[in-house]
Amino acid sequence: MRRTSFSDMSCSIARCLEQVGDGWTLLIIREAFFGTRRFGEFQSHLGIAPNVLTARLQSLVQHGILQVMAESENGRVLDYRLTDKGRDLFPIIIAMLQWGDRHAPAPDGPPVKIVDRDSGRPIAAMQVTSDDGRALQARDVRVRPT
């Protein structure tokens, strides 16, 4: 079943969902951030059907979120890498991970911990800040048309 397209909506959230709003798509992006590169690796890490994985990878490439790199001489082994556009999804993936750890925790606690590569220290909780650095909650902002 084809879902409703949001591509013609002027809402930024809807247009984002058009490209990355599918659960499998977000999990593929998560895996790419965690270092997964090859089709078989995505499939084994996610337990996703090959046809579904193929469709989602093609969509991510088409939208410029992943790029395909041929890794073998004959080009049959492909490597999928995040583009700059794909790497810009990092805060979204981290925010979702932190939200899930807090509001939908696994029975044995968080399955992974995200740490600073240099120090090994855990990263801080994601937060929205004003342009002067103050932490903001939903009640502290309002929507204003441009």
C-alpha atoms as a PDB file:
ATOM      1  CA  MET A   1       0.000   0.000   0.000  1.00  0.00           C
ATOM      2  CA  ARG A   2       1.402   3.401  -1.001  1.00  0.00           C
ATOM      3  CA  ARG A   3       1.213   6.012   1.715  1.00  0.00           C
ATOM      4  CA  THR A   4       0.109   9.576   1.131  1.00  0.00           C
ATOM      5  CA  SER A   5       2.823  11.777  -0.352  1.00  0.00           C
ATOM      6  CA  PHE A   6       3.806  14.868   1.602  1.00  0.00           C
ATOM      7  CA  SER A   7       6.104  16.236  -1.120  1.00  0.00           C
ATOM      8  CA  ASP A   8       3.765  19.044  -2.181  1.00  0.00           C
ATOM      9  CA  MET A   9       3.080  20.310   1.330  1.00  0.00           C
ATOM     10  CA  SER A  10       4.755  23.540   2.415  1.00  0.00           C
ATOM     11  CA  CYS A  11       5.373  22.160   5.936  1.00  0.00           C
ATOM     12  CA  SER A  12       9.074  21.466   6.563  1.00  0.00           C
ATOM     13  CA  ILE A  13       8.250  18.506   8.817  1.00  0.00           C
ATOM     14  CA  ALA A  14       6.019  16.923   6.168  1.00  0.00           C
ATOM     15  CA  ARG A  15       8.703  17.383   3.495  1.00  0.00           C
ATOM     16  CA  CYS A  16      11.284  15.788   5.808  1.00  0.00           C
ATOM     17  CA  LEU A  17       8.944  12.857   6.426  1.00  0.00           C
ATOM     18  CA  GLU A  18       8.604  12.387   2.667  1.00  0.00           C
ATOM     19  CA  GLN A  19      12.311  11.518   2.561  1.00  0.00           C
ATOM     20  CA  VAL A  20      12.989   9.836   5.925  1.00  0.00           C
ATOM     21  CA  GLY A  21       9.607   9.226   7.585  1.00  0.00           C
ATOM     22  CA  ASP A  22       9.518   5.457   7.238  1.00  0.00           C
ATOM     23  CA  GLY A  23      10.642   3.318  10.187  1.00  0.00           C
ATOM     24  CA  TRP A  24      12.947   1.129   8.091  1.00  0.00           C
ATOM     25  CA  THR A  25      14.480   4.226   6.509  1.00  0.00           C
ATOM     26  CA  LEU A  26      15.370   5.724   9.889  1.00  0.00           C
ATOM     27  CA  LEU A  27      16.848   2.417  11.051  1.00  0.00           C
ATOM     28  CA  ILE A  28      18.975   2.228   7.885  1.00  0.00           C
ATOM     29  CA  ILE A  29      20.212   5.762   8.574  1.00  0.00           C
ATOM     30  CA  ARG A  30      20.954   4.769  12.190  1.00  0.00           C
ATOM     31  CA  GLU A  31      22.982   1.812  10.939  1.00  0.00           C
ATOM     32  CA  ALA A  32      24.878   4.054   8.516  1.00  0.00           C
ATOM     33  CA  PHE A  33      25.830   6.330  11.434  1.00  0.00           C
ATOM     34  CA  PHE A  34      26.960   3.258  13.360  1.00  0.00           C
ATOM     35  CA  GLY A  35      29.279   2.276  10.499  1.00  0.00           C
ATOM     36  CA  THR A  36      27.233  -0.176   8.448  1.00  0.00           C
ATOM     37  CA  ARG A  37      28.120   0.126   4.759  1.00  0.00           C
ATOM     38  CA  ARG A  38      27.140  -3.007   2.815  1.00  0.00           C
ATOM     39  CA  PHE A  39      23.764  -4.394   1.781  1.00  0.00           C
ATOM     40  CA  GLY A  40      24.323  -7.701   3.601  1.00  0.00           C
ATOM     41  CA  GLU A  41      25.354  -5.890   6.774  1.00  0.00           C
ATOM     42  CA  PHE A  42      22.218  -3.744   6.742  1.00  0.00           C
ATOM     43  CA  GLN A  43      20.129  -6.850   6.146  1.00  0.00           C
ATOM     44  CA  SER A  44      21.689  -8.898   8.946  1.00  0.00           C
ATOM     45  CA  HIS A  45      21.745  -6.051  11.490  1.00  0.00           C
ATOM     46  CA  LEU A  46      18.119  -5.110  10.837  1.00  0.00           C
ATOM     47  CA  GLY A  47      16.486  -8.410   9.856  1.00  0.00           C
ATOM     48  CA  ILE A  48      14.874  -6.585   6.940  1.00  0.00           C
ATOM     49  CA  ALA A  49      13.581  -8.316   3.801  1.00  0.00           C
ATOM     50  CA  PRO A  50      15.898  -7.832   0.796  1.00  0.00           C
ATOM     51  CA  ASN A  51      13.197  -6.237  -1.369  1.00  0.00           C
ATOM     52  CA  VAL A  52      12.301  -3.727   1.366  1.00  0.00           C
ATOM     53  CA  LEU A  53      15.969  -2.916   1.954  1.00  0.00           C
ATOM     54  CA  THR A  54      16.565  -2.450  -1.777  1.00  0.00           C
ATOM     55  CA  ALA A  55      13.637  -0.032  -2.060  1.00  0.00           C
ATOM     56  CA  ARG A  56      14.699   1.992   1.003  1.00  0.00           C
ATOM     57  CA  LEU A  57      18.356   2.194  -0.080  1.00  0.00           C
ATOM     58  CA  GLN A  58      17.295   3.304  -3.572  1.00  0.00           C
ATOM     59  CA  SER A  59      15.081   6.014  -2.067  1.00  0.00           C
ATOM     60  CA  LEU A  60      17.857   7.237   0.237  1.00  0.00           C
ATOM     61  CA  VAL A  61      20.251   7.418  -2.722  1.00  0.00           C
ATOM     62  CA  GLN A  62      17.621   9.138  -4.878  1.00  0.00           C
ATOM     63  CA  HIS A  63      17.051  11.754  -2.160  1.00  0.00           C
ATOM     64  CA  GLY A  64      20.797  12.338  -1.795  1.00  0.00           C
ATOM     65  CA  ILE A  65      20.989  11.036   1.784  1.00  0.00           C
ATOM     66  CA  LEU A  66      23.225   8.083   0.904  1.00  0.00           C
ATOM     67  CA  GLN A  67      25.658   7.707  -1.948  1.00  0.00           C
ATOM     68  CA  VAL A  68      26.769   4.455  -3.519  1.00  0.00           C
ATOM     69  CA  MET A  69      30.447   3.695  -3.829  1.00  0.00           C
ATOM     70  CA  ALA A  70      31.604   0.724  -5.923  1.00  0.00           C
ATOM     71  CA  GLU A  71      34.044  -1.244  -3.782  1.00  0.00           C
ATOM     72  CA  SER A  72      35.140  -4.035  -6.095  1.00  0.00           C
ATOM     73  CA  GLU A  73      36.771  -4.049  -9.505  1.00  0.00           C
ATOM     74  CA  ASN A  74      33.582  -5.258 -11.159  1.00  0.00           C
ATOM     75  CA  GLY A  75      31.393  -2.861  -9.154  1.00  0.00           C
ATOM     76  CA  ARG A  76      29.244  -5.683  -7.798  1.00  0.00           C
ATOM     77  CA  VAL A  77      29.972  -5.012  -4.113  1.00  0.00           C
ATOM     78  CA  LEU A  78      28.516  -1.662  -3.171  1.00  0.00           C
ATOM     79  CA  ASP A  79      29.315   0.541  -0.235  1.00  0.00           C
ATOM     80  CA  TYR A  80      26.612   2.954   0.998  1.00  0.00           C
ATOM     81  CA  ARG A  81      27.881   6.150   2.632  1.00  0.00           C
ATOM     82  CA  LEU A  82      26.077   9.080   4.203  1.00  0.00           C
ATOM     83  CA  THR A  83      26.305  12.313   2.233  1.00  0.00           C
ATOM     84  CA  ASP A  84      26.508  15.741   3.869  1.00  0.00           C
ATOM     85  CA  LYS A  85      22.701  15.803   3.688  1.00  0.00           C
ATOM     86  CA  GLY A  86      22.592  12.420   5.410  1.00  0.00           C
ATOM     87  CA  ARG A  87      25.074  13.463   8.106  1.00  0.00           C
ATOM     88  CA  ASP A  88      22.818  16.450   8.850  1.00  0.00           C
ATOM     89  CA  LEU A  89      20.329  13.883  10.227  1.00  0.00           C
ATOM     90  CA  PHE A  90      22.725  13.120  13.121  1.00  0.00           C
ATOM     91  CA  PRO A  91      20.935  15.343  15.683  1.00  0.00           C
ATOM     92  CA  ILE A  92      17.595  13.780  14.750  1.00  0.00           C
ATOM     93  CA  ILE A  93      18.920  10.240  15.222  1.00  0.00           C
ATOM     94  CA  ILE A  94      20.516  11.168  18.560  1.00  0.00           C
ATOM     95  CA  ALA A  95      17.349  12.928  19.747  1.00  0.00           C
ATOM     96  CA  MET A  96      15.278   9.859  18.840  1.00  0.00           C
ATOM     97  CA  LEU A  97      17.746   7.540  20.582  1.00  0.00           C
ATOM     98  CA  GLN A  98      17.700   9.654  23.738  1.00  0.00           C
ATOM     99  CA  TRP A  99      13.908   9.960  23.656  1.00  0.00           C
ATOM    100  CA  GLY A 100      13.613   6.182  23.264  1.00  0.00           C
ATOM    101  CA  ASP A 101      16.021   5.558  26.158  1.00  0.00           C
ATOM    102  CA  ARG A 102      13.897   7.815  28.347  1.00  0.00           C
ATOM    103  CA  HIS A 103      10.335   7.095  27.240  1.00  0.00           C
ATOM    104  CA  ALA A 104      10.448   3.657  25.576  1.00  0.00           C
ATOM    105  CA  PRO A 105      13.335   1.912  27.340  1.00  0.00           C
ATOM    106  CA  ALA A 106      14.445  -1.617  26.583  1.00  0.00           C
ATOM    107  CA  PRO A 107      13.910  -4.022  29.522  1.00  0.00           C
ATOM    108  CA  ASP A 108      17.671  -4.300  30.114  1.00  0.00           C
ATOM    109  CA  GLY A 109      18.354  -0.594  29.690  1.00  0.00           C
ATOM    110  CA  PRO A 110      19.857   1.275  26.751  1.00  0.00           C
ATOM    111  CA  PRO A 111      21.422  -1.099  24.195  1.00  0.00           C
ATOM    112  CA  VAL A 112      24.106   1.420  23.194  1.00  0.00           C
ATOM    113  CA  LYS A 113      25.801   4.442  24.668  1.00  0.00           C
ATOM    114  CA  ILE A 114      26.937   7.314  22.466  1.00  0.00           C
ATOM    115  CA  VAL A 115      30.264   8.729  23.610  1.00  0.00           C
ATOM    116  CA  ASP A 116      32.667  11.431  22.477  1.00  0.00           C
ATOM    117  CA  ARG A 117      35.298   9.752  20.275  1.00  0.00           C
ATOM    118  CA  ASP A 118      38.183  11.740  21.814  1.00  0.00           C
ATOM    119  CA  SER A 119      37.311  11.667  25.517  1.00  0.00           C
ATOM    120  CA  GLY A 120      35.146   8.547  25.733  1.00  0.00           C
ATOM    121  CA  ARG A 121      32.667  10.543  27.807  1.00  0.00           C
ATOM    122  CA  PRO A 122      28.905  10.246  27.204  1.00  0.00           C
ATOM    123  CA  ILE A 123      27.327  12.975  25.100  1.00  0.00           C
ATOM    124  CA  ALA A 124      24.943  15.450  26.707  1.00  0.00           C
ATOM    125  CA  ALA A 125      21.196  15.224  26.287  1.00  0.00           C
ATOM    126  CA  MET A 126      19.935  16.975  23.177  1.00  0.00           C
ATOM    127  CA  GLN A 127      18.217  20.256  23.831  1.00  0.00           C
ATOM    128  CA  VAL A 128      16.847  23.218  21.950  1.00  0.00           C
ATOM    129  CA  THR A 129      18.632  26.469  22.700  1.00  0.00           C
ATOM    130  CA  SER A 130      18.000  30.108  21.903  1.00  0.00           C
ATOM    131  CA  ASP A 131      20.550  32.005  19.852  1.00  0.00           C
ATOM    132  CA  ASP A 132      22.039  33.282  23.134  1.00  0.00           C
ATOM    133  CA  GLY A 133      22.497  29.714  24.456  1.00  0.00           C
ATOM    134  CA  ARG A 134      19.556  29.458  26.861  1.00  0.00           C
ATOM    135  CA  ALA A 135      17.870  26.027  27.051  1.00  0.00           C
ATOM    136  CA  LEU A 136      14.283  26.222  25.789  1.00  0.00           C
ATOM    137  CA  GLN A 137      11.242  24.026  26.378  1.00  0.00           C
ATOM    138  CA  ALA A 138       8.155  23.831  24.150  1.00  0.00           C
ATOM    139  CA  ARG A 139       6.353  26.337  26.378  1.00  0.00           C
ATOM    140  CA  ASP A 140       9.189  28.853  25.762  1.00  0.00           C
ATOM    141  CA  VAL A 141       8.692  29.140  21.981  1.00  0.00           C
ATOM    142  CA  ARG A 142       5.931  30.083  19.591  1.00  0.00           C
ATOM    143  CA  VAL A 143       5.399  29.488  15.909  1.00  0.00           C
ATOM    144  CA  ARG A 144       5.442  32.562  13.707  1.00  0.00           C
ATOM    145  CA  PRO A 145       4.792  32.464   9.958  1.00  0.00           C
ATOM    146  CA  THR A 146       7.643  33.690   7.774  1.00  0.00           C
END
